Amino acid sequence: MSERHSAQDRRRTREFDAFVAGAAARLLHVSTLLTAEPPRSNPRAQELLTAALARTYADWDRLRGDDPYDRTRRELAVRFARGAWRHHRWAAEGVLGRLTPQERLVLVLRLYEGVAEEQAATLLGIPPERVRAVCARAVAVMRNSSSAPPSRLGVPTRLGTA
C-alpha cells in the first residue's frame, strides 16, 4: 500500500509542479499588485503566494476538476483580505499604492484578472453593488494623479467595510 501512496504522491507532485511552472509568474504578479510592492522587492507578495500555493497543494487531490489557477487566485484574495487590514501600514508603492487594500483587491480581481462582478462579490462576501462601488472609486483614484493617500478613507475593520 505504501508503494501506491508514493506513486500518488509523485503524480500529485508532478501535476502541481507543472501547474506552478505555468502559473507562478502571473500569480506572483497578482500578489505583487495586491501588496503594492515593487516587483523586484516583494517579500510580502512572495509570502502571500507561497501560502496560497501551499494551500492549493494541500487540496490538490480534492480539486476534482476545479481550475487550480482559480483556486489559488481565490486563496490569494482571501489571504490578502484577512491580512491586509492588519498590515495596512505597509509602505505601498507604485501606482496601486494610492489605493486602500480593499480597492486594490477589487481592482486586481475585476480589471486585471477579469473576474466577473458577481464572482468577486461572492468571493469577497460583499454585495455586487459594493464591488461595483469600490471598483468605480478605485478607478477614479487611479485617474486622478493628485489623489490623496490611501488613509483618506480610513482603515476598514473587515473586508465588507470601508
N, C-alpha and C. Protein backbone atom coordinates (compact mmCIF):
# COMPACT_ATOMS: atom_id res chain seq x y z
N MET A 1 0.81 -1.19 0.00
CA MET A 1 0.00 0.00 0.00
C MET A 1 0.86 1.26 0.00
N SER A 2 1.98 1.25 0.66
CA SER A 2 2.83 2.43 0.70
C SER A 2 3.38 2.76 -0.69
N GLU A 3 3.58 1.74 -1.53
CA GLU A 3 4.02 2.00 -2.91
C GLU A 3 2.94 2.76 -3.67
N ARG A 4 1.68 2.39 -3.46
CA ARG A 4 0.58 3.09 -4.12
C ARG A 4 0.53 4.55 -3.69
N HIS A 5 0.70 4.77 -2.38
CA HIS A 5 0.69 6.14 -1.87
C HIS A 5 1.86 6.94 -2.43
N SER A 6 3.03 6.32 -2.50
CA SER A 6 4.18 7.07 -3.02
C SER A 6 4.01 7.36 -4.51
N ALA A 7 3.38 6.46 -5.26
CA ALA A 7 3.11 6.73 -6.67
C ALA A 7 2.10 7.88 -6.80
N GLN A 8 1.10 7.90 -5.95
CA GLN A 8 0.13 9.00 -5.95
C GLN A 8 0.80 10.31 -5.57
N ASP A 9 1.68 10.25 -4.60
CA ASP A 9 2.40 11.46 -4.18
C ASP A 9 3.28 11.98 -5.32
N ARG A 10 3.95 11.08 -6.03
CA ARG A 10 4.79 11.51 -7.16
C ARG A 10 3.94 12.12 -8.26
N ARG A 11 2.79 11.51 -8.56
CA ARG A 11 1.89 12.05 -9.58
C ARG A 11 1.39 13.42 -9.18
N ARG A 12 0.97 13.53 -7.95
CA ARG A 12 0.48 14.81 -7.42
C ARG A 12 1.56 15.89 -7.50
N THR A 13 2.77 15.52 -7.12
CA THR A 13 3.89 16.47 -7.16
C THR A 13 4.19 16.89 -8.59
N ARG A 14 4.18 15.95 -9.53
CA ARG A 14 4.42 16.28 -10.95
C ARG A 14 3.35 17.22 -11.48
N GLU A 15 2.10 16.90 -11.19
CA GLU A 15 1.00 17.76 -11.65
C GLU A 15 1.10 19.16 -11.05
N PHE A 16 1.36 19.21 -9.77
CA PHE A 16 1.46 20.51 -9.10
C PHE A 16 2.64 21.31 -9.63
N ASP A 17 3.79 20.64 -9.82
CA ASP A 17 4.97 21.32 -10.36
C ASP A 17 4.68 21.89 -11.75
N ALA A 18 3.96 21.14 -12.57
CA ALA A 18 3.60 21.63 -13.91
C ALA A 18 2.68 22.85 -13.81
N PHE A 19 1.75 22.80 -12.89
CA PHE A 19 0.86 23.94 -12.67
C PHE A 19 1.67 25.17 -12.25
N VAL A 20 2.55 25.01 -11.28
CA VAL A 20 3.34 26.13 -10.77
C VAL A 20 4.24 26.68 -11.88
N ALA A 21 4.84 25.81 -12.67
CA ALA A 21 5.70 26.27 -13.76
C ALA A 21 4.94 27.16 -14.74
N GLY A 22 3.68 26.85 -14.97
CA GLY A 22 2.88 27.63 -15.91
C GLY A 22 2.21 28.85 -15.32
N ALA A 23 1.93 28.84 -14.03
CA ALA A 23 1.11 29.90 -13.45
C ALA A 23 1.82 30.79 -12.44
N ALA A 24 2.97 30.39 -11.97
CA ALA A 24 3.61 31.11 -10.86
C ALA A 24 3.92 32.57 -11.20
N ALA A 25 4.39 32.84 -12.38
CA ALA A 25 4.77 34.22 -12.73
C ALA A 25 3.55 35.14 -12.67
N ARG A 26 2.46 34.71 -13.27
CA ARG A 26 1.26 35.55 -13.25
C ARG A 26 0.71 35.69 -11.83
N LEU A 27 0.69 34.59 -11.09
CA LEU A 27 0.19 34.65 -9.72
C LEU A 27 1.08 35.54 -8.84
N LEU A 28 2.39 35.52 -9.07
CA LEU A 28 3.27 36.41 -8.31
C LEU A 28 2.98 37.87 -8.69
N HIS A 29 2.68 38.11 -9.95
CA HIS A 29 2.34 39.47 -10.36
C HIS A 29 1.05 39.92 -9.68
N VAL A 30 0.05 39.05 -9.64
CA VAL A 30 -1.20 39.37 -8.94
C VAL A 30 -0.92 39.68 -7.48
N SER A 31 -0.12 38.84 -6.85
CA SER A 31 0.21 39.03 -5.45
C SER A 31 0.96 40.34 -5.23
N THR A 32 1.86 40.67 -6.15
CA THR A 32 2.62 41.92 -6.06
C THR A 32 1.71 43.13 -6.24
N LEU A 33 0.74 43.02 -7.14
CA LEU A 33 -0.22 44.11 -7.30
C LEU A 33 -1.04 44.30 -6.02
N LEU A 34 -1.42 43.20 -5.41
CA LEU A 34 -2.22 43.30 -4.17
C LEU A 34 -1.44 43.97 -3.05
N THR A 35 -0.19 43.60 -2.90
CA THR A 35 0.60 44.17 -1.80
C THR A 35 1.17 45.53 -2.15
N ALA A 36 1.11 45.91 -3.42
CA ALA A 36 1.63 47.20 -3.92
C ALA A 36 3.11 47.36 -3.63
N GLU A 37 3.83 46.25 -3.68
CA GLU A 37 5.27 46.28 -3.51
C GLU A 37 5.93 46.44 -4.88
N PRO A 38 7.17 46.91 -4.90
CA PRO A 38 7.87 46.95 -6.18
C PRO A 38 8.17 45.52 -6.66
N PRO A 39 8.08 45.29 -7.96
CA PRO A 39 8.26 43.92 -8.48
C PRO A 39 9.60 43.27 -8.10
N ARG A 40 10.64 44.05 -7.95
CA ARG A 40 11.95 43.47 -7.66
C ARG A 40 12.20 43.26 -6.15
N SER A 41 11.34 43.82 -5.34
CA SER A 41 11.48 43.69 -3.89
C SER A 41 10.09 43.49 -3.31
N ASN A 42 9.65 42.23 -3.30
CA ASN A 42 8.26 41.95 -2.93
C ASN A 42 8.15 40.79 -1.94
N PRO A 43 8.77 40.90 -0.77
CA PRO A 43 8.72 39.78 0.17
C PRO A 43 7.31 39.44 0.65
N ARG A 44 6.45 40.45 0.86
CA ARG A 44 5.08 40.15 1.31
C ARG A 44 4.30 39.44 0.22
N ALA A 45 4.51 39.85 -1.02
CA ALA A 45 3.83 39.19 -2.14
C ALA A 45 4.30 37.75 -2.27
N GLN A 46 5.59 37.52 -2.11
CA GLN A 46 6.11 36.16 -2.19
C GLN A 46 5.57 35.29 -1.06
N GLU A 47 5.49 35.87 0.12
CA GLU A 47 4.95 35.14 1.28
C GLU A 47 3.47 34.81 1.06
N LEU A 48 2.73 35.76 0.55
CA LEU A 48 1.31 35.56 0.26
C LEU A 48 1.12 34.45 -0.78
N LEU A 49 1.91 34.49 -1.84
CA LEU A 49 1.81 33.47 -2.88
C LEU A 49 2.22 32.10 -2.36
N THR A 50 3.28 32.05 -1.58
CA THR A 50 3.74 30.77 -1.03
C THR A 50 2.64 30.12 -0.18
N ALA A 51 1.99 30.91 0.64
CA ALA A 51 0.91 30.38 1.48
C ALA A 51 -0.26 29.90 0.64
N ALA A 52 -0.61 30.67 -0.40
CA ALA A 52 -1.72 30.27 -1.27
C ALA A 52 -1.38 29.00 -2.04
N LEU A 53 -0.15 28.89 -2.53
CA LEU A 53 0.26 27.68 -3.26
C LEU A 53 0.31 26.47 -2.33
N ALA A 54 0.74 26.69 -1.09
CA ALA A 54 0.77 25.58 -0.12
C ALA A 54 -0.64 25.05 0.11
N ARG A 55 -1.60 25.95 0.21
CA ARG A 55 -2.99 25.53 0.40
C ARG A 55 -3.51 24.78 -0.83
N THR A 56 -3.17 25.28 -2.01
CA THR A 56 -3.59 24.60 -3.25
C THR A 56 -2.98 23.21 -3.31
N TYR A 57 -1.71 23.09 -2.95
CA TYR A 57 -1.06 21.78 -2.97
C TYR A 57 -1.73 20.83 -1.97
N ALA A 58 -2.04 21.33 -0.80
CA ALA A 58 -2.69 20.50 0.22
C ALA A 58 -4.05 20.01 -0.25
N ASP A 59 -4.74 20.83 -1.04
CA ASP A 59 -6.07 20.47 -1.53
C ASP A 59 -6.05 19.85 -2.92
N TRP A 60 -4.87 19.60 -3.48
CA TRP A 60 -4.73 19.19 -4.88
C TRP A 60 -5.63 18.01 -5.25
N ASP A 61 -5.63 16.98 -4.43
CA ASP A 61 -6.42 15.79 -4.76
C ASP A 61 -7.92 16.03 -4.63
N ARG A 62 -8.32 17.09 -3.95
CA ARG A 62 -9.74 17.39 -3.78
C ARG A 62 -10.26 18.41 -4.80
N LEU A 63 -9.41 18.86 -5.72
CA LEU A 63 -9.85 19.86 -6.70
C LEU A 63 -10.95 19.32 -7.60
N ARG A 64 -10.87 18.05 -7.95
CA ARG A 64 -11.91 17.38 -8.74
C ARG A 64 -12.41 18.21 -9.92
N GLY A 65 -11.50 18.56 -10.78
CA GLY A 65 -11.89 19.30 -11.97
C GLY A 65 -11.90 20.80 -11.83
N ASP A 66 -11.78 21.32 -10.60
CA ASP A 66 -11.68 22.77 -10.41
C ASP A 66 -10.37 23.25 -11.01
N ASP A 67 -10.37 24.45 -11.52
CA ASP A 67 -9.17 25.04 -12.09
C ASP A 67 -8.22 25.42 -10.96
N PRO A 68 -7.01 24.86 -10.93
CA PRO A 68 -6.10 25.20 -9.84
C PRO A 68 -5.70 26.68 -9.83
N TYR A 69 -5.70 27.32 -11.00
CA TYR A 69 -5.38 28.75 -11.04
C TYR A 69 -6.46 29.55 -10.32
N ASP A 70 -7.73 29.24 -10.62
CA ASP A 70 -8.83 29.93 -9.94
C ASP A 70 -8.78 29.67 -8.44
N ARG A 71 -8.49 28.45 -8.06
CA ARG A 71 -8.43 28.09 -6.65
C ARG A 71 -7.32 28.87 -5.94
N THR A 72 -6.16 28.96 -6.59
CA THR A 72 -5.04 29.69 -5.99
C THR A 72 -5.32 31.18 -5.95
N ARG A 73 -5.91 31.72 -7.00
CA ARG A 73 -6.27 33.14 -7.02
C ARG A 73 -7.26 33.44 -5.90
N ARG A 74 -8.23 32.56 -5.71
CA ARG A 74 -9.21 32.73 -4.63
C ARG A 74 -8.50 32.72 -3.28
N GLU A 75 -7.57 31.80 -3.11
CA GLU A 75 -6.82 31.71 -1.85
C GLU A 75 -5.97 32.97 -1.64
N LEU A 76 -5.36 33.49 -2.71
CA LEU A 76 -4.61 34.74 -2.62
C LEU A 76 -5.51 35.87 -2.13
N ALA A 77 -6.68 35.99 -2.75
CA ALA A 77 -7.61 37.06 -2.40
C ALA A 77 -8.06 36.95 -0.95
N VAL A 78 -8.41 35.76 -0.53
CA VAL A 78 -8.88 35.56 0.84
C VAL A 78 -7.78 35.86 1.84
N ARG A 79 -6.58 35.34 1.58
CA ARG A 79 -5.46 35.59 2.49
C ARG A 79 -5.10 37.07 2.54
N PHE A 80 -5.12 37.71 1.38
CA PHE A 80 -4.82 39.15 1.35
C PHE A 80 -5.88 39.91 2.14
N ALA A 81 -7.14 39.59 1.91
CA ALA A 81 -8.23 40.30 2.60
C ALA A 81 -8.13 40.11 4.11
N ARG A 82 -7.80 38.92 4.55
CA ARG A 82 -7.69 38.67 6.00
C ARG A 82 -6.54 39.43 6.62
N GLY A 83 -5.43 39.49 5.92
CA GLY A 83 -4.24 40.10 6.49
C GLY A 83 -4.04 41.55 6.15
N ALA A 84 -4.67 42.03 5.09
CA ALA A 84 -4.40 43.39 4.61
C ALA A 84 -4.79 44.45 5.63
N TRP A 85 -5.87 44.26 6.31
CA TRP A 85 -6.31 45.28 7.25
C TRP A 85 -5.33 45.41 8.41
N ARG A 86 -4.76 44.29 8.83
CA ARG A 86 -3.78 44.34 9.91
C ARG A 86 -2.48 44.99 9.46
N HIS A 87 -2.20 44.86 8.17
CA HIS A 87 -0.92 45.35 7.65
C HIS A 87 -1.13 46.56 6.75
N HIS A 88 -2.16 47.34 7.02
CA HIS A 88 -2.48 48.50 6.18
C HIS A 88 -1.36 49.52 6.16
N ARG A 89 -0.52 49.50 7.15
CA ARG A 89 0.56 50.50 7.22
C ARG A 89 1.77 50.09 6.38
N TRP A 90 1.67 48.97 5.66
CA TRP A 90 2.76 48.60 4.76
C TRP A 90 3.07 49.79 3.87
N ALA A 91 4.31 49.93 3.53
CA ALA A 91 4.70 51.01 2.62
C ALA A 91 4.30 50.60 1.21
N ALA A 92 3.11 50.99 0.82
CA ALA A 92 2.63 50.67 -0.52
C ALA A 92 3.27 51.63 -1.51
N GLU A 93 3.74 51.07 -2.60
CA GLU A 93 4.43 51.87 -3.60
C GLU A 93 3.73 51.74 -4.94
N GLY A 94 4.24 52.49 -5.88
CA GLY A 94 3.75 52.39 -7.24
C GLY A 94 2.36 52.97 -7.39
N VAL A 95 1.84 52.77 -8.56
CA VAL A 95 0.55 53.33 -8.93
C VAL A 95 -0.58 52.81 -8.04
N LEU A 96 -0.56 51.54 -7.69
CA LEU A 96 -1.63 50.98 -6.85
C LEU A 96 -1.45 51.31 -5.38
N GLY A 97 -0.33 51.87 -5.02
CA GLY A 97 -0.08 52.24 -3.63
C GLY A 97 -1.01 53.32 -3.12
N ARG A 98 -1.65 54.05 -4.02
CA ARG A 98 -2.59 55.10 -3.61
C ARG A 98 -3.94 54.52 -3.19
N LEU A 99 -4.17 53.26 -3.48
CA LEU A 99 -5.45 52.63 -3.17
C LEU A 99 -5.42 51.97 -1.80
N THR A 100 -6.58 51.85 -1.19
CA THR A 100 -6.70 51.07 0.04
C THR A 100 -6.56 49.60 -0.34
N PRO A 101 -6.28 48.74 0.63
CA PRO A 101 -6.20 47.31 0.31
C PRO A 101 -7.47 46.77 -0.36
N GLN A 102 -8.64 47.19 0.12
CA GLN A 102 -9.89 46.70 -0.48
C GLN A 102 -10.01 47.17 -1.92
N GLU A 103 -9.66 48.42 -2.18
CA GLU A 103 -9.72 48.93 -3.55
C GLU A 103 -8.75 48.16 -4.45
N ARG A 104 -7.54 47.90 -3.95
CA ARG A 104 -6.57 47.12 -4.75
C ARG A 104 -7.11 45.74 -5.05
N LEU A 105 -7.66 45.09 -4.04
CA LEU A 105 -8.17 43.74 -4.22
C LEU A 105 -9.27 43.70 -5.27
N VAL A 106 -10.23 44.59 -5.16
CA VAL A 106 -11.34 44.61 -6.13
C VAL A 106 -10.82 44.98 -7.52
N LEU A 107 -9.95 45.96 -7.61
CA LEU A 107 -9.43 46.38 -8.90
C LEU A 107 -8.64 45.26 -9.57
N VAL A 108 -7.80 44.59 -8.83
CA VAL A 108 -7.00 43.49 -9.39
C VAL A 108 -7.90 42.35 -9.84
N LEU A 109 -8.86 41.98 -8.99
CA LEU A 109 -9.77 40.90 -9.37
C LEU A 109 -10.59 41.25 -10.61
N ARG A 110 -11.17 42.43 -10.60
CA ARG A 110 -12.09 42.81 -11.68
C ARG A 110 -11.37 43.16 -12.98
N LEU A 111 -10.37 44.02 -12.90
CA LEU A 111 -9.78 44.55 -14.12
C LEU A 111 -8.55 43.78 -14.59
N TYR A 112 -7.71 43.34 -13.69
CA TYR A 112 -6.52 42.62 -14.11
C TYR A 112 -6.82 41.15 -14.36
N GLU A 113 -7.55 40.53 -13.44
CA GLU A 113 -7.86 39.10 -13.55
C GLU A 113 -9.14 38.83 -14.32
N GLY A 114 -9.98 39.82 -14.52
CA GLY A 114 -11.20 39.64 -15.29
C GLY A 114 -12.28 38.82 -14.59
N VAL A 115 -12.29 38.84 -13.28
CA VAL A 115 -13.29 38.11 -12.51
C VAL A 115 -14.61 38.89 -12.59
N ALA A 116 -15.68 38.19 -12.89
CA ALA A 116 -17.00 38.83 -13.01
C ALA A 116 -17.39 39.46 -11.67
N GLU A 117 -18.17 40.52 -11.77
CA GLU A 117 -18.61 41.26 -10.58
C GLU A 117 -19.28 40.35 -9.55
N GLU A 118 -20.17 39.49 -10.02
CA GLU A 118 -20.89 38.59 -9.11
C GLU A 118 -19.94 37.59 -8.45
N GLN A 119 -18.97 37.09 -9.23
CA GLN A 119 -18.00 36.15 -8.66
C GLN A 119 -17.12 36.86 -7.64
N ALA A 120 -16.70 38.06 -7.94
CA ALA A 120 -15.89 38.83 -6.99
C ALA A 120 -16.68 39.08 -5.71
N ALA A 121 -17.94 39.42 -5.86
CA ALA A 121 -18.79 39.67 -4.70
C ALA A 121 -18.91 38.42 -3.83
N THR A 122 -19.13 37.29 -4.46
CA THR A 122 -19.24 36.03 -3.72
C THR A 122 -17.93 35.71 -3.01
N LEU A 123 -16.83 35.86 -3.73
CA LEU A 123 -15.52 35.58 -3.17
C LEU A 123 -15.22 36.47 -1.96
N LEU A 124 -15.58 37.73 -2.06
CA LEU A 124 -15.27 38.68 -1.00
C LEU A 124 -16.34 38.77 0.08
N GLY A 125 -17.48 38.16 -0.16
CA GLY A 125 -18.54 38.18 0.84
C GLY A 125 -19.22 39.53 0.97
N ILE A 126 -19.30 40.25 -0.13
CA ILE A 126 -19.96 41.55 -0.14
C ILE A 126 -20.94 41.59 -1.31
N PRO A 127 -21.91 42.48 -1.29
CA PRO A 127 -22.88 42.55 -2.39
C PRO A 127 -22.22 43.04 -3.69
N PRO A 128 -22.76 42.61 -4.83
CA PRO A 128 -22.23 43.07 -6.12
C PRO A 128 -22.21 44.60 -6.24
N GLU A 129 -23.20 45.26 -5.65
CA GLU A 129 -23.24 46.72 -5.70
C GLU A 129 -22.02 47.32 -5.00
N ARG A 130 -21.61 46.69 -3.92
CA ARG A 130 -20.42 47.15 -3.18
C ARG A 130 -19.17 46.97 -4.02
N VAL A 131 -19.06 45.82 -4.71
CA VAL A 131 -17.92 45.58 -5.61
C VAL A 131 -17.89 46.66 -6.68
N ARG A 132 -19.05 46.95 -7.25
CA ARG A 132 -19.14 47.97 -8.30
C ARG A 132 -18.71 49.33 -7.77
N ALA A 133 -19.17 49.69 -6.58
CA ALA A 133 -18.83 50.99 -5.99
C ALA A 133 -17.34 51.09 -5.67
N VAL A 134 -16.77 50.04 -5.09
CA VAL A 134 -15.35 50.05 -4.74
C VAL A 134 -14.51 50.11 -6.01
N CYS A 135 -14.90 49.37 -7.02
CA CYS A 135 -14.16 49.38 -8.29
C CYS A 135 -14.22 50.77 -8.92
N ALA A 136 -15.39 51.39 -8.93
CA ALA A 136 -15.53 52.73 -9.50
C ALA A 136 -14.68 53.73 -8.73
N ARG A 137 -14.68 53.63 -7.41
CA ARG A 137 -13.87 54.53 -6.59
C ARG A 137 -12.38 54.32 -6.87
N ALA A 138 -11.96 53.07 -7.01
CA ALA A 138 -10.55 52.78 -7.29
C ALA A 138 -10.13 53.33 -8.65
N VAL A 139 -10.99 53.16 -9.64
CA VAL A 139 -10.69 53.69 -10.97
C VAL A 139 -10.60 55.21 -10.92
N ALA A 140 -11.50 55.85 -10.17
CA ALA A 140 -11.47 57.31 -10.04
C ALA A 140 -10.16 57.76 -9.38
N VAL A 141 -9.73 57.06 -8.36
CA VAL A 141 -8.46 57.40 -7.70
C VAL A 141 -7.31 57.24 -8.68
N MET A 142 -7.34 56.17 -9.45
CA MET A 142 -6.27 55.93 -10.41
C MET A 142 -6.23 57.00 -11.49
N ARG A 143 -7.37 57.49 -11.89
CA ARG A 143 -7.44 58.53 -12.92
C ARG A 143 -6.96 59.88 -12.40
N ASN A 144 -7.11 60.10 -11.12
CA ASN A 144 -6.75 61.37 -10.52
C ASN A 144 -5.32 61.28 -9.99
N SER A 145 -4.39 61.83 -10.72
CA SER A 145 -2.98 61.70 -10.35
C SER A 145 -2.64 62.43 -9.06
N SER A 146 -3.47 63.38 -8.65
CA SER A 146 -3.18 64.11 -7.41
C SER A 146 -4.05 63.62 -6.25
N SER A 147 -4.45 62.34 -6.30
CA SER A 147 -5.33 61.84 -5.24
C SER A 147 -4.61 61.80 -3.91
N ALA A 148 -5.40 61.85 -2.86
CA ALA A 148 -4.87 61.80 -1.50
C ALA A 148 -4.34 60.41 -1.22
N PRO A 149 -3.51 60.26 -0.20
CA PRO A 149 -3.01 58.94 0.16
C PRO A 149 -4.15 58.03 0.63
N PRO A 150 -3.91 56.70 0.63
CA PRO A 150 -4.96 55.75 1.00
C PRO A 150 -5.61 55.99 2.34
N SER A 151 -4.94 56.62 3.28
CA SER A 151 -5.51 56.81 4.61
C SER A 151 -6.72 57.74 4.60
N ARG A 152 -6.99 58.40 3.49
CA ARG A 152 -8.11 59.32 3.41
C ARG A 152 -9.44 58.62 3.65
N LEU A 153 -9.50 57.34 3.41
CA LEU A 153 -10.75 56.61 3.56
C LEU A 153 -10.84 55.87 4.88
N GLY A 154 -9.82 55.89 5.66
CA GLY A 154 -9.84 55.16 6.93
C GLY A 154 -9.46 53.71 6.70
N VAL A 155 -9.17 53.03 7.76
CA VAL A 155 -8.78 51.63 7.69
C VAL A 155 -9.99 50.77 7.92
N PRO A 156 -10.36 49.93 6.94
CA PRO A 156 -11.51 49.05 7.15
C PRO A 156 -11.22 48.04 8.25
N THR A 157 -12.25 47.66 8.97
CA THR A 157 -12.06 46.68 10.03
C THR A 157 -12.29 45.27 9.55
N ARG A 158 -12.98 45.13 8.45
CA ARG A 158 -13.17 43.81 7.83
C ARG A 158 -13.43 44.04 6.36
N LEU A 159 -13.42 42.99 5.58
CA LEU A 159 -13.48 43.08 4.13
C LEU A 159 -14.67 43.86 3.64
N GLY A 160 -15.82 43.71 4.21
CA GLY A 160 -17.03 44.33 3.69
C GLY A 160 -17.23 45.77 4.08
N THR A 161 -16.29 46.39 4.78
CA THR A 161 -16.46 47.77 5.19
C THR A 161 -15.34 48.63 4.65
N ALA A 162 -15.60 49.90 4.59
CA ALA A 162 -14.55 50.83 4.15
C ALA A 162 -14.63 52.12 4.92
